[in-house]
Full PDB file with SEQRES, HELIX, SHEET, SSBOND, CRYST1, ORIGX, SCALE, CONECT and MASTER records, all heavy atoms in Angstrom:
SEQRES   1 A   35  ARG ASP ALA PRO ALA LYS LYS LEU THR LEU ARG ALA TYR          
SEQRES   2 A   35  ARG ARG TYR GLU GLY LYS TYR GLY TYR ARG GLN LEU GLN          
SEQRES   3 A   35  LEU PHE LEU GLN GLN ASP ASP GLY VAL                          
HELIX    1 AA1 ALA A    3  ARG A   15  1                                  13    
HELIX    2 AA2 TYR A   22  PHE A   28  1                                   7    
HELIX    3 AA3 LEU A   29  ASP A   33  3                                   5    
CRYST1    1.000    1.000    1.000  90.00  90.00  90.00 P 1           1          
ORIGX1      1.000000  0.000000  0.000000        0.00000                         
ORIGX2      0.000000  1.000000  0.000000        0.00000                         
ORIGX3      0.000000  0.000000  1.000000        0.00000                         
SCALE1      1.000000  0.000000  0.000000        0.00000                         
SCALE2      0.000000  1.000000  0.000000        0.00000                         
SCALE3      0.000000  0.000000  1.000000        0.00000                         
ATOM      1  N   ARG A   1      22.324  10.000 -20.236  1.00  0.00           N  
ATOM      2  CA  ARG A   1      23.068  11.257 -20.280  1.00  0.00           C  
ATOM      3  C   ARG A   1      22.162  12.472 -20.191  1.00  0.00           C  
ATOM      4  O   ARG A   1      22.535  13.502 -19.654  1.00  0.00           O  
ATOM      5  CB  ARG A   1      23.864  11.355 -21.583  1.00  0.00           C  
ATOM      6  CG  ARG A   1      25.136  10.571 -21.558  1.00  0.00           C  
ATOM      7  CD  ARG A   1      25.908  10.703 -22.840  1.00  0.00           C  
ATOM      8  NE  ARG A   1      25.875  12.051 -23.399  1.00  0.00           N  
ATOM      9  CZ  ARG A   1      26.199  12.358 -24.634  1.00  0.00           C  
ATOM     10  NH1 ARG A   1      26.549  11.408 -25.466  1.00  0.00           N  
ATOM     11  NH2 ARG A   1      26.153  13.586 -25.065  1.00  0.00           N  
ATOM     12  N   ASP A   2      20.947  12.329 -20.738  1.00  0.00           N  
ATOM     13  CA  ASP A   2      20.053  13.473 -20.832  1.00  0.00           C  
ATOM     14  C   ASP A   2      19.038  13.542 -19.693  1.00  0.00           C  
ATOM     15  O   ASP A   2      18.076  14.301 -19.791  1.00  0.00           O  
ATOM     16  CB  ASP A   2      19.308  13.440 -22.168  1.00  0.00           C  
ATOM     17  CG  ASP A   2      20.238  13.678 -23.341  1.00  0.00           C  
ATOM     18  OD1 ASP A   2      21.230  14.413 -23.154  1.00  0.00           O  
ATOM     19  OD2 ASP A   2      19.980  13.138 -24.420  1.00  0.00           O  
ATOM     20  N   ALA A   3      19.229  12.780 -18.640  1.00  0.00           N  
ATOM     21  CA  ALA A   3      18.248  12.768 -17.549  1.00  0.00           C  
ATOM     22  C   ALA A   3      18.048  14.145 -16.921  1.00  0.00           C  
ATOM     23  O   ALA A   3      16.900  14.571 -16.735  1.00  0.00           O  
ATOM     24  CB  ALA A   3      18.641  11.734 -16.498  1.00  0.00           C  
ATOM     25  N   PRO A   4      19.116  14.891 -16.581  1.00  0.00           N  
ATOM     26  CA  PRO A   4      18.883  16.228 -16.011  1.00  0.00           C  
ATOM     27  C   PRO A   4      18.223  17.182 -17.002  1.00  0.00           C  
ATOM     28  O   PRO A   4      17.347  17.977 -16.629  1.00  0.00           O  
ATOM     29  CB  PRO A   4      20.285  16.734 -15.655  1.00  0.00           C  
ATOM     30  CG  PRO A   4      21.183  15.573 -15.736  1.00  0.00           C  
ATOM     31  CD  PRO A   4      20.523  14.556 -16.600  1.00  0.00           C  
ATOM     32  N   ALA A   5      18.593  17.078 -18.272  1.00  0.00           N  
ATOM     33  CA  ALA A   5      17.998  17.941 -19.296  1.00  0.00           C  
ATOM     34  C   ALA A   5      16.524  17.611 -19.491  1.00  0.00           C  
ATOM     35  O   ALA A   5      15.695  18.506 -19.678  1.00  0.00           O  
ATOM     36  CB  ALA A   5      18.754  17.793 -20.605  1.00  0.00           C  
ATOM     37  N   LYS A   6      16.192  16.320 -19.428  1.00  0.00           N  
ATOM     38  CA  LYS A   6      14.788  15.923 -19.554  1.00  0.00           C  
ATOM     39  C   LYS A   6      13.972  16.470 -18.397  1.00  0.00           C  
ATOM     40  O   LYS A   6      12.844  16.935 -18.578  1.00  0.00           O  
ATOM     41  CB  LYS A   6      14.667  14.392 -19.588  1.00  0.00           C  
ATOM     42  CG  LYS A   6      14.949  13.783 -20.921  1.00  0.00           C  
ATOM     43  CD  LYS A   6      14.700  12.289 -20.883  1.00  0.00           C  
ATOM     44  CE  LYS A   6      15.012  11.645 -22.210  1.00  0.00           C  
ATOM     45  NZ  LYS A   6      14.793  10.198 -22.199  1.00  0.00           N  
ATOM     46  N   LYS A   7      14.554  16.405 -17.205  1.00  0.00           N  
ATOM     47  CA  LYS A   7      13.852  16.901 -16.029  1.00  0.00           C  
ATOM     48  C   LYS A   7      13.581  18.401 -16.147  1.00  0.00           C  
ATOM     49  O   LYS A   7      12.479  18.875 -15.864  1.00  0.00           O  
ATOM     50  CB  LYS A   7      14.676  16.620 -14.766  1.00  0.00           C  
ATOM     51  CG  LYS A   7      13.949  16.950 -13.481  1.00  0.00           C  
ATOM     52  CD  LYS A   7      14.825  16.759 -12.276  1.00  0.00           C  
ATOM     53  CE  LYS A   7      14.996  15.306 -11.940  1.00  0.00           C  
ATOM     54  NZ  LYS A   7      15.731  15.091 -10.683  1.00  0.00           N  
ATOM     55  N   LEU A   8      14.584  19.161 -16.599  1.00  0.00           N  
ATOM     56  CA  LEU A   8      14.421  20.607 -16.776  1.00  0.00           C  
ATOM     57  C   LEU A   8      13.378  20.919 -17.840  1.00  0.00           C  
ATOM     58  O   LEU A   8      12.545  21.818 -17.664  1.00  0.00           O  
ATOM     59  CB  LEU A   8      15.755  21.241 -17.183  1.00  0.00           C  
ATOM     60  CG  LEU A   8      16.759  21.518 -16.085  1.00  0.00           C  
ATOM     61  CD1 LEU A   8      18.087  21.948 -16.689  1.00  0.00           C  
ATOM     62  CD2 LEU A   8      16.239  22.596 -15.156  1.00  0.00           C  
ATOM     63  N   THR A   9      13.428  20.193 -18.943  1.00  0.00           N  
ATOM     64  CA  THR A   9      12.488  20.424 -20.037  1.00  0.00           C  
ATOM     65  C   THR A   9      11.061  20.136 -19.590  1.00  0.00           C  
ATOM     66  O   THR A   9      10.145  20.922 -19.854  1.00  0.00           O  
ATOM     67  CB  THR A   9      12.846  19.549 -21.250  1.00  0.00           C  
ATOM     68  OG1 THR A   9      14.207  19.793 -21.611  1.00  0.00           O  
ATOM     69  CG2 THR A   9      11.960  19.836 -22.427  1.00  0.00           C  
ATOM     70  N   LEU A  10      10.860  19.034 -18.898  1.00  0.00           N  
ATOM     71  CA  LEU A  10       9.525  18.671 -18.430  1.00  0.00           C  
ATOM     72  C   LEU A  10       9.019  19.671 -17.407  1.00  0.00           C  
ATOM     73  O   LEU A  10       7.836  20.038 -17.409  1.00  0.00           O  
ATOM     74  CB  LEU A  10       9.559  17.259 -17.838  1.00  0.00           C  
ATOM     75  CG  LEU A  10       8.228  16.583 -17.597  1.00  0.00           C  
ATOM     76  CD1 LEU A  10       7.427  16.502 -18.895  1.00  0.00           C  
ATOM     77  CD2 LEU A  10       8.424  15.201 -17.016  1.00  0.00           C  
ATOM     78  N   ARG A  11       9.905  20.154 -16.542  1.00  0.00           N  
ATOM     79  CA  ARG A  11       9.503  21.142 -15.538  1.00  0.00           C  
ATOM     80  C   ARG A  11       9.068  22.448 -16.202  1.00  0.00           C  
ATOM     81  O   ARG A  11       8.051  23.033 -15.828  1.00  0.00           O  
ATOM     82  CB  ARG A  11      10.641  21.396 -14.555  1.00  0.00           C  
ATOM     83  CG  ARG A  11      10.214  22.226 -13.367  1.00  0.00           C  
ATOM     84  CD  ARG A  11      11.285  22.305 -12.342  1.00  0.00           C  
ATOM     85  NE  ARG A  11      12.409  23.073 -12.880  1.00  0.00           N  
ATOM     86  CZ  ARG A  11      13.555  23.241 -12.268  1.00  0.00           C  
ATOM     87  NH1 ARG A  11      13.772  22.664 -11.106  1.00  0.00           N  
ATOM     88  NH2 ARG A  11      14.516  23.952 -12.794  1.00  0.00           N  
ATOM     89  N   ALA A  12       9.823  22.895 -17.217  1.00  0.00           N  
ATOM     90  CA  ALA A  12       9.459  24.122 -17.940  1.00  0.00           C  
ATOM     91  C   ALA A  12       8.147  23.928 -18.697  1.00  0.00           C  
ATOM     92  O   ALA A  12       7.302  24.827 -18.741  1.00  0.00           O  
ATOM     93  CB  ALA A  12      10.570  24.512 -18.903  1.00  0.00           C  
ATOM     94  N   TYR A  13       7.963  22.746 -19.280  1.00  0.00           N  
ATOM     95  CA  TYR A  13       6.731  22.446 -20.005  1.00  0.00           C  
ATOM     96  C   TYR A  13       5.527  22.531 -19.067  1.00  0.00           C  
ATOM     97  O   TYR A  13       4.505  23.131 -19.398  1.00  0.00           O  
ATOM     98  CB  TYR A  13       6.846  21.047 -20.614  1.00  0.00           C  
ATOM     99  CG  TYR A  13       5.624  20.577 -21.353  1.00  0.00           C  
ATOM    100  CD1 TYR A  13       5.380  20.986 -22.657  1.00  0.00           C  
ATOM    101  CD2 TYR A  13       4.723  19.694 -20.761  1.00  0.00           C  
ATOM    102  CE1 TYR A  13       4.266  20.545 -23.347  1.00  0.00           C  
ATOM    103  CE2 TYR A  13       3.607  19.253 -21.443  1.00  0.00           C  
ATOM    104  CZ  TYR A  13       3.385  19.676 -22.725  1.00  0.00           C  
ATOM    105  OH  TYR A  13       2.273  19.243 -23.404  1.00  0.00           O  
ATOM    106  N   ARG A  14       5.656  21.962 -17.888  1.00  0.00           N  
ATOM    107  CA  ARG A  14       4.554  21.985 -16.916  1.00  0.00           C  
ATOM    108  C   ARG A  14       4.344  23.374 -16.329  1.00  0.00           C  
ATOM    109  O   ARG A  14       3.216  23.758 -16.029  1.00  0.00           O  
ATOM    110  CB  ARG A  14       4.818  20.978 -15.804  1.00  0.00           C  
ATOM    111  CG  ARG A  14       4.651  19.561 -16.281  1.00  0.00           C  
ATOM    112  CD  ARG A  14       4.799  18.581 -15.156  1.00  0.00           C  
ATOM    113  NE  ARG A  14       4.624  17.214 -15.637  1.00  0.00           N  
ATOM    114  CZ  ARG A  14       5.223  16.168 -15.113  1.00  0.00           C  
ATOM    115  NH1 ARG A  14       6.039  16.324 -14.087  1.00  0.00           N  
ATOM    116  NH2 ARG A  14       5.020  14.970 -15.594  1.00  0.00           N  
ATOM    117  N   ARG A  15       5.421  24.120 -16.153  1.00  0.00           N  
ATOM    118  CA  ARG A  15       5.325  25.472 -15.593  1.00  0.00           C  
ATOM    119  C   ARG A  15       4.454  26.360 -16.471  1.00  0.00           C  
ATOM    120  O   ARG A  15       3.685  27.179 -15.978  1.00  0.00           O  
ATOM    121  CB  ARG A  15       6.711  26.086 -15.446  1.00  0.00           C  
ATOM    122  CG  ARG A  15       6.721  27.441 -14.786  1.00  0.00           C  
ATOM    123  CD  ARG A  15       8.096  28.077 -14.782  1.00  0.00           C  
ATOM    124  NE  ARG A  15       9.117  27.180 -14.262  1.00  0.00           N  
ATOM    125  CZ  ARG A  15      10.357  27.092 -14.752  1.00  0.00           C  
ATOM    126  NH1 ARG A  15      10.733  27.844 -15.755  1.00  0.00           N  
ATOM    127  NH2 ARG A  15      11.225  26.271 -14.220  1.00  0.00           N  
ATOM    128  N   TYR A  16       4.583  26.176 -17.782  1.00  0.00           N  
ATOM    129  CA  TYR A  16       3.804  26.981 -18.719  1.00  0.00           C  
ATOM    130  C   TYR A  16       2.603  26.222 -19.273  1.00  0.00           C  
ATOM    131  O   TYR A  16       2.054  26.590 -20.307  1.00  0.00           O  
ATOM    132  CB  TYR A  16       4.709  27.481 -19.855  1.00  0.00           C  
ATOM    133  CG  TYR A  16       5.727  28.465 -19.355  1.00  0.00           C  
ATOM    134  CD1 TYR A  16       7.039  28.078 -19.119  1.00  0.00           C  
ATOM    135  CD2 TYR A  16       5.376  29.764 -19.057  1.00  0.00           C  
ATOM    136  CE1 TYR A  16       7.973  28.968 -18.628  1.00  0.00           C  
ATOM    137  CE2 TYR A  16       6.303  30.665 -18.564  1.00  0.00           C  
ATOM    138  CZ  TYR A  16       7.594  30.259 -18.361  1.00  0.00           C  
ATOM    139  OH  TYR A  16       8.518  31.143 -17.867  1.00  0.00           O  
ATOM    140  N   GLU A  17       2.198  25.176 -18.579  1.00  0.00           N  
ATOM    141  CA  GLU A  17       0.971  24.416 -18.841  1.00  0.00           C  
ATOM    142  C   GLU A  17       0.893  23.852 -20.267  1.00  0.00           C  
ATOM    143  O   GLU A  17      -0.187  23.731 -20.835  1.00  0.00           O  
ATOM    144  CB  GLU A  17      -0.254  25.298 -18.563  1.00  0.00           C  
ATOM    145  CG  GLU A  17      -0.288  25.783 -17.128  1.00  0.00           C  
ATOM    146  CD  GLU A  17      -1.275  26.922 -16.931  1.00  0.00           C  
ATOM    147  OE1 GLU A  17      -1.938  27.336 -17.910  1.00  0.00           O  
ATOM    148  OE2 GLU A  17      -1.361  27.403 -15.802  1.00  0.00           O  
ATOM    149  N   GLY A  18       2.049  23.549 -20.854  1.00  0.00           N  
ATOM    150  CA  GLY A  18       2.070  22.913 -22.171  1.00  0.00           C  
ATOM    151  C   GLY A  18       1.663  23.808 -23.318  1.00  0.00           C  
ATOM    152  O   GLY A  18       1.333  23.325 -24.391  1.00  0.00           O  
ATOM    153  N   LYS A  19       1.669  25.113 -23.092  1.00  0.00           N  
ATOM    154  CA  LYS A  19       1.222  26.043 -24.134  1.00  0.00           C  
ATOM    155  C   LYS A  19       2.259  26.253 -25.219  1.00  0.00           C  
ATOM    156  O   LYS A  19       1.911  26.606 -26.336  1.00  0.00           O  
ATOM    157  CB  LYS A  19       0.898  27.412 -23.521  1.00  0.00           C  
ATOM    158  CG  LYS A  19      -0.316  27.405 -22.645  1.00  0.00           C  
ATOM    159  CD  LYS A  19      -0.539  28.775 -22.070  1.00  0.00           C  
ATOM    160  CE  LYS A  19      -1.671  28.741 -21.072  1.00  0.00           C  
ATOM    161  NZ  LYS A  19      -1.767  29.971 -20.315  1.00  0.00           N  
ATOM    162  N   TYR A  20       3.521  26.093 -24.892  1.00  0.00           N  
ATOM    163  CA  TYR A  20       4.584  26.501 -25.797  1.00  0.00           C  
ATOM    164  C   TYR A  20       5.349  25.314 -26.371  1.00  0.00           C  
ATOM    165  O   TYR A  20       5.470  24.275 -25.735  1.00  0.00           O  
ATOM    166  CB  TYR A  20       5.550  27.444 -25.082  1.00  0.00           C  
ATOM    167  CG  TYR A  20       4.855  28.675 -24.559  1.00  0.00           C  
ATOM    168  CD1 TYR A  20       4.632  28.849 -23.207  1.00  0.00           C  
ATOM    169  CD2 TYR A  20       4.401  29.652 -25.429  1.00  0.00           C  
ATOM    170  CE1 TYR A  20       3.976  29.970 -22.730  1.00  0.00           C  
ATOM    171  CE2 TYR A  20       3.745  30.777 -24.972  1.00  0.00           C  
ATOM    172  CZ  TYR A  20       3.543  30.928 -23.617  1.00  0.00           C  
ATOM    173  OH  TYR A  20       2.888  32.037 -23.155  1.00  0.00           O  
ATOM    174  N   GLY A  21       5.902  25.526 -27.548  1.00  0.00           N  
ATOM    175  CA  GLY A  21       6.672  24.501 -28.231  1.00  0.00           C  
ATOM    176  C   GLY A  21       8.150  24.593 -27.893  1.00  0.00           C  
ATOM    177  O   GLY A  21       8.559  25.306 -26.982  1.00  0.00           O  
ATOM    178  N   TYR A  22       8.951  23.881 -28.656  1.00  0.00           N  
ATOM    179  CA  TYR A  22      10.369  23.753 -28.332  1.00  0.00           C  
ATOM    180  C   TYR A  22      11.124  25.074 -28.446  1.00  0.00           C  
ATOM    181  O   TYR A  22      12.052  25.322 -27.677  1.00  0.00           O  
ATOM    182  CB  TYR A  22      11.027  22.668 -29.190  1.00  0.00           C  
ATOM    183  CG  TYR A  22      11.171  22.984 -30.661  1.00  0.00           C  
ATOM    184  CD1 TYR A  22      12.362  23.499 -31.159  1.00  0.00           C  
ATOM    185  CD2 TYR A  22      10.133  22.751 -31.549  1.00  0.00           C  
ATOM    186  CE1 TYR A  22      12.505  23.772 -32.505  1.00  0.00           C  
ATOM    187  CE2 TYR A  22      10.269  23.024 -32.895  1.00  0.00           C  
ATOM    188  CZ  TYR A  22      11.448  23.541 -33.363  1.00  0.00           C  
ATOM    189  OH  TYR A  22      11.610  23.821 -34.695  1.00  0.00           O  
ATOM    190  N   ARG A  23      10.725  25.946 -29.372  1.00  0.00           N  
ATOM    191  CA  ARG A  23      11.453  27.214 -29.533  1.00  0.00           C  
ATOM    192  C   ARG A  23      11.283  28.100 -28.305  1.00  0.00           C  
ATOM    193  O   ARG A  23      12.248  28.652 -27.775  1.00  0.00           O  
ATOM    194  CB  ARG A  23      10.965  27.950 -30.774  1.00  0.00           C  
ATOM    195  CG  ARG A  23      11.260  27.216 -32.058  1.00  0.00           C  
ATOM    196  CD  ARG A  23      10.743  28.024 -33.239  1.00  0.00           C  
ATOM    197  NE  ARG A  23      10.856  27.304 -34.479  1.00  0.00           N  
ATOM    198  CZ  ARG A  23       9.824  26.713 -35.087  1.00  0.00           C  
ATOM    199  NH1 ARG A  23       8.628  26.767 -34.585  1.00  0.00           N  
ATOM    200  NH2 ARG A  23      10.010  26.071 -36.213  1.00  0.00           N  
ATOM    201  N   GLN A  24      10.023  28.246 -27.866  1.00  0.00           N  
ATOM    202  CA  GLN A  24       9.768  29.076 -26.691  1.00  0.00           C  
ATOM    203  C   GLN A  24      10.336  28.429 -25.429  1.00  0.00           C  
ATOM    204  O   GLN A  24      10.859  29.116 -24.562  1.00  0.00           O  
ATOM    205  CB  GLN A  24       8.269  29.298 -26.516  1.00  0.00           C  
ATOM    206  CG  GLN A  24       7.705  30.369 -27.408  1.00  0.00           C  
ATOM    207  CD  GLN A  24       8.279  31.737 -27.094  1.00  0.00           C  
ATOM    208  OE1 GLN A  24       8.911  32.351 -27.938  1.00  0.00           O  
ATOM    209  NE2 GLN A  24       8.084  32.209 -25.903  1.00  0.00           N  
ATOM    210  N   LEU A  25      10.217  27.115 -25.313  1.00  0.00           N  
ATOM    211  CA  LEU A  25      10.744  26.428 -24.133  1.00  0.00           C  
ATOM    212  C   LEU A  25      12.244  26.641 -24.009  1.00  0.00           C  
ATOM    213  O   LEU A  25      12.757  26.794 -22.905  1.00  0.00           O  
ATOM    214  CB  LEU A  25      10.442  24.930 -24.185  1.00  0.00           C  
ATOM    215  CG  LEU A  25       9.087  24.489 -23.664  1.00  0.00           C  
ATOM    216  CD1 LEU A  25       8.999  22.978 -23.632  1.00  0.00           C  
ATOM    217  CD2 LEU A  25       8.776  25.056 -22.320  1.00  0.00           C  
ATOM    218  N   GLN A  26      12.936  26.645 -25.138  1.00  0.00           N  
ATOM    219  CA  GLN A  26      14.377  26.880 -25.104  1.00  0.00           C  
ATOM    220  C   GLN A  26      14.673  28.257 -24.528  1.00  0.00           C  
ATOM    221  O   GLN A  26      15.564  28.415 -23.698  1.00  0.00           O  
ATOM    222  CB  GLN A  26      14.961  26.755 -26.505  1.00  0.00           C  
ATOM    223  CG  GLN A  26      16.454  26.928 -26.553  1.00  0.00           C  
ATOM    224  CD  GLN A  26      16.917  27.830 -27.680  1.00  0.00           C  
ATOM    225  OE1 GLN A  26      16.115  28.413 -28.392  1.00  0.00           O  
ATOM    226  NE2 GLN A  26      18.206  27.948 -27.816  1.00  0.00           N  
ATOM    227  N   LEU A  27      13.895  29.265 -24.934  1.00  0.00           N  
ATOM    228  CA  LEU A  27      14.098  30.616 -24.413  1.00  0.00           C  
ATOM    229  C   LEU A  27      13.751  30.695 -22.930  1.00  0.00           C  
ATOM    230  O   LEU A  27      14.438  31.361 -22.156  1.00  0.00           O  
ATOM    231  CB  LEU A  27      13.246  31.609 -25.210  1.00  0.00           C  
ATOM    232  CG  LEU A  27      13.632  31.763 -26.672  1.00  0.00           C  
ATOM    233  CD1 LEU A  27      12.620  32.644 -27.390  1.00  0.00           C  
ATOM    234  CD2 LEU A  27      15.023  32.357 -26.790  1.00  0.00           C  
ATOM    235  N   PHE A  28      12.683  30.013 -22.522  1.00  0.00           N  
ATOM    236  CA  PHE A  28      12.291  30.023 -21.111  1.00  0.00           C  
ATOM    237  C   PHE A  28      13.322  29.305 -20.244  1.00  0.00           C  
ATOM    238  O   PHE A  28      13.552  29.704 -19.099  1.00  0.00           O  
ATOM    239  CB  PHE A  28      10.916  29.397 -20.914  1.00  0.00           C  
ATOM    240  CG  PHE A  28       9.795  30.235 -21.466  1.00  0.00           C  
ATOM    241  CD1 PHE A  28       8.742  29.659 -22.142  1.00  0.00           C  
ATOM    242  CD2 PHE A  28       9.790  31.609 -21.305  1.00  0.00           C  
ATOM    243  CE1 PHE A  28       7.708  30.418 -22.644  1.00  0.00           C  
ATOM    244  CE2 PHE A  28       8.762  32.397 -21.799  1.00  0.00           C  
ATOM    245  CZ  PHE A  28       7.723  31.794 -22.474  1.00  0.00           C  
ATOM    246  N   LEU A  29      13.922  28.242 -20.768  1.00  0.00           N  
ATOM    247  CA  LEU A  29      14.973  27.555 -20.011  1.00  0.00           C  
ATOM    248  C   LEU A  29      16.146  28.494 -19.758  1.00  0.00           C  
ATOM    249  O   LEU A  29      16.727  28.502 -18.681  1.00  0.00           O  
ATOM    250  CB  LEU A  29      15.461  26.311 -20.763  1.00  0.00           C  
ATOM    251  CG  LEU A  29      14.571  25.082 -20.701  1.00  0.00           C  
ATOM    252  CD1 LEU A  29      15.059  24.039 -21.691  1.00  0.00           C  
ATOM    253  CD2 LEU A  29      14.545  24.513 -19.305  1.00  0.00           C  
ATOM    254  N   GLN A  30      16.464  29.301 -20.757  1.00  0.00           N  
ATOM    255  CA  GLN A  30      17.579  30.240 -20.594  1.00  0.00           C  
ATOM    256  C   GLN A  30      17.200  31.368 -19.642  1.00  0.00           C  
ATOM    257  O   GLN A  30      17.990  31.743 -18.779  1.00  0.00           O  
ATOM    258  CB  GLN A  30      17.976  30.806 -21.951  1.00  0.00           C  
ATOM    259  CG  GLN A  30      19.231  31.647 -21.878  1.00  0.00           C  
ATOM    260  CD  GLN A  30      19.671  32.142 -23.239  1.00  0.00           C  
ATOM    261  OE1 GLN A  30      18.952  32.005 -24.216  1.00  0.00           O  
ATOM    262  NE2 GLN A  30      20.837  32.723 -23.295  1.00  0.00           N  
ATOM    263  N   GLN A  31      15.987  31.895 -19.763  1.00  0.00           N  
ATOM    264  CA  GLN A  31      15.557  33.002 -18.911  1.00  0.00           C  
ATOM    265  C   GLN A  31      15.373  32.576 -17.460  1.00  0.00           C  
ATOM    266  O   GLN A  31      15.890  33.212 -16.550  1.00  0.00           O  
ATOM    267  CB  GLN A  31      14.215  33.556 -19.405  1.00  0.00           C  
ATOM    268  CG  GLN A  31      14.311  34.487 -20.568  1.00  0.00           C  
ATOM    269  CD  GLN A  31      12.937  34.960 -21.014  1.00  0.00           C  
ATOM    270  OE1 GLN A  31      11.914  34.458 -20.554  1.00  0.00           O  
ATOM    271  NE2 GLN A  31      12.922  35.917 -21.916  1.00  0.00           N  
ATOM    272  N   ASP A  32      14.603  31.522 -17.244  1.00  0.00           N  
ATOM    273  CA  ASP A  32      14.203  31.136 -15.890  1.00  0.00           C  
ATOM    274  C   ASP A  32      15.280  30.369 -15.142  1.00  0.00           C  
ATOM    275  O   ASP A  32      15.503  30.616 -13.960  1.00  0.00           O  
ATOM    276  CB  ASP A  32      12.924  30.290 -15.941  1.00  0.00           C  
ATOM    277  CG  ASP A  32      11.769  31.032 -16.589  1.00  0.00           C  
ATOM    278  OD1 ASP A  32      11.838  32.277 -16.680  1.00  0.00           O  
ATOM    279  OD2 ASP A  32      10.803  30.372 -17.004  1.00  0.00           O  
ATOM    280  N   ASP A  33      15.910  29.412 -15.811  1.00  0.00           N  
ATOM    281  CA  ASP A  33      16.858  28.526 -15.137  1.00  0.00           C  
ATOM    282  C   ASP A  33      18.313  28.855 -15.447  1.00  0.00           C  
ATOM    283  O   ASP A  33      19.208  28.274 -14.841  1.00  0.00           O  
ATOM    284  CB  ASP A  33      16.575  27.066 -15.524  1.00  0.00           C  
ATOM    285  CG  ASP A  33      15.162  26.642 -15.148  1.00  0.00           C  
ATOM    286  OD1 ASP A  33      14.701  27.070 -14.073  1.00  0.00           O  
ATOM    287  OD2 ASP A  33      14.525  25.910 -15.923  1.00  0.00           O  
ATOM    288  N   GLY A  34      18.539  29.722 -16.412  1.00  0.00           N  
ATOM    289  CA  GLY A  34      19.916  30.061 -16.773  1.00  0.00           C  
ATOM    290  C   GLY A  34      20.635  28.926 -17.476  1.00  0.00           C  
ATOM    291  O   GLY A  34      21.857  28.837 -17.447  1.00  0.00           O  
ATOM    292  N   VAL A  35      19.878  28.062 -18.135  1.00  0.00           N  
ATOM    293  CA  VAL A  35      20.454  26.896 -18.807  1.00  0.00           C  
ATOM    294  C   VAL A  35      20.341  27.086 -20.313  1.00  0.00           C  
ATOM    295  O   VAL A  35      19.237  27.245 -20.847  1.00  0.00           O  
ATOM    296  CB  VAL A  35      19.702  25.601 -18.402  1.00  0.00           C  
ATOM    297  CG1 VAL A  35      20.226  24.413 -19.183  1.00  0.00           C  
ATOM    298  CG2 VAL A  35      19.837  25.372 -16.925  1.00  0.00           C  
TER     299      VAL A  35                                                      
MASTER        0    0    0    3    0    0    0    6  298    1    0    3          
END                                                                             
């Protein structure tokens, strides 16, 4: 069920080179991908 969400999360993690944790990644997912 979570395959698309995992893909988005991993893409955001790699985009920011693994610098940020789950709180920041959540904000970046909303800002960048609108999710």
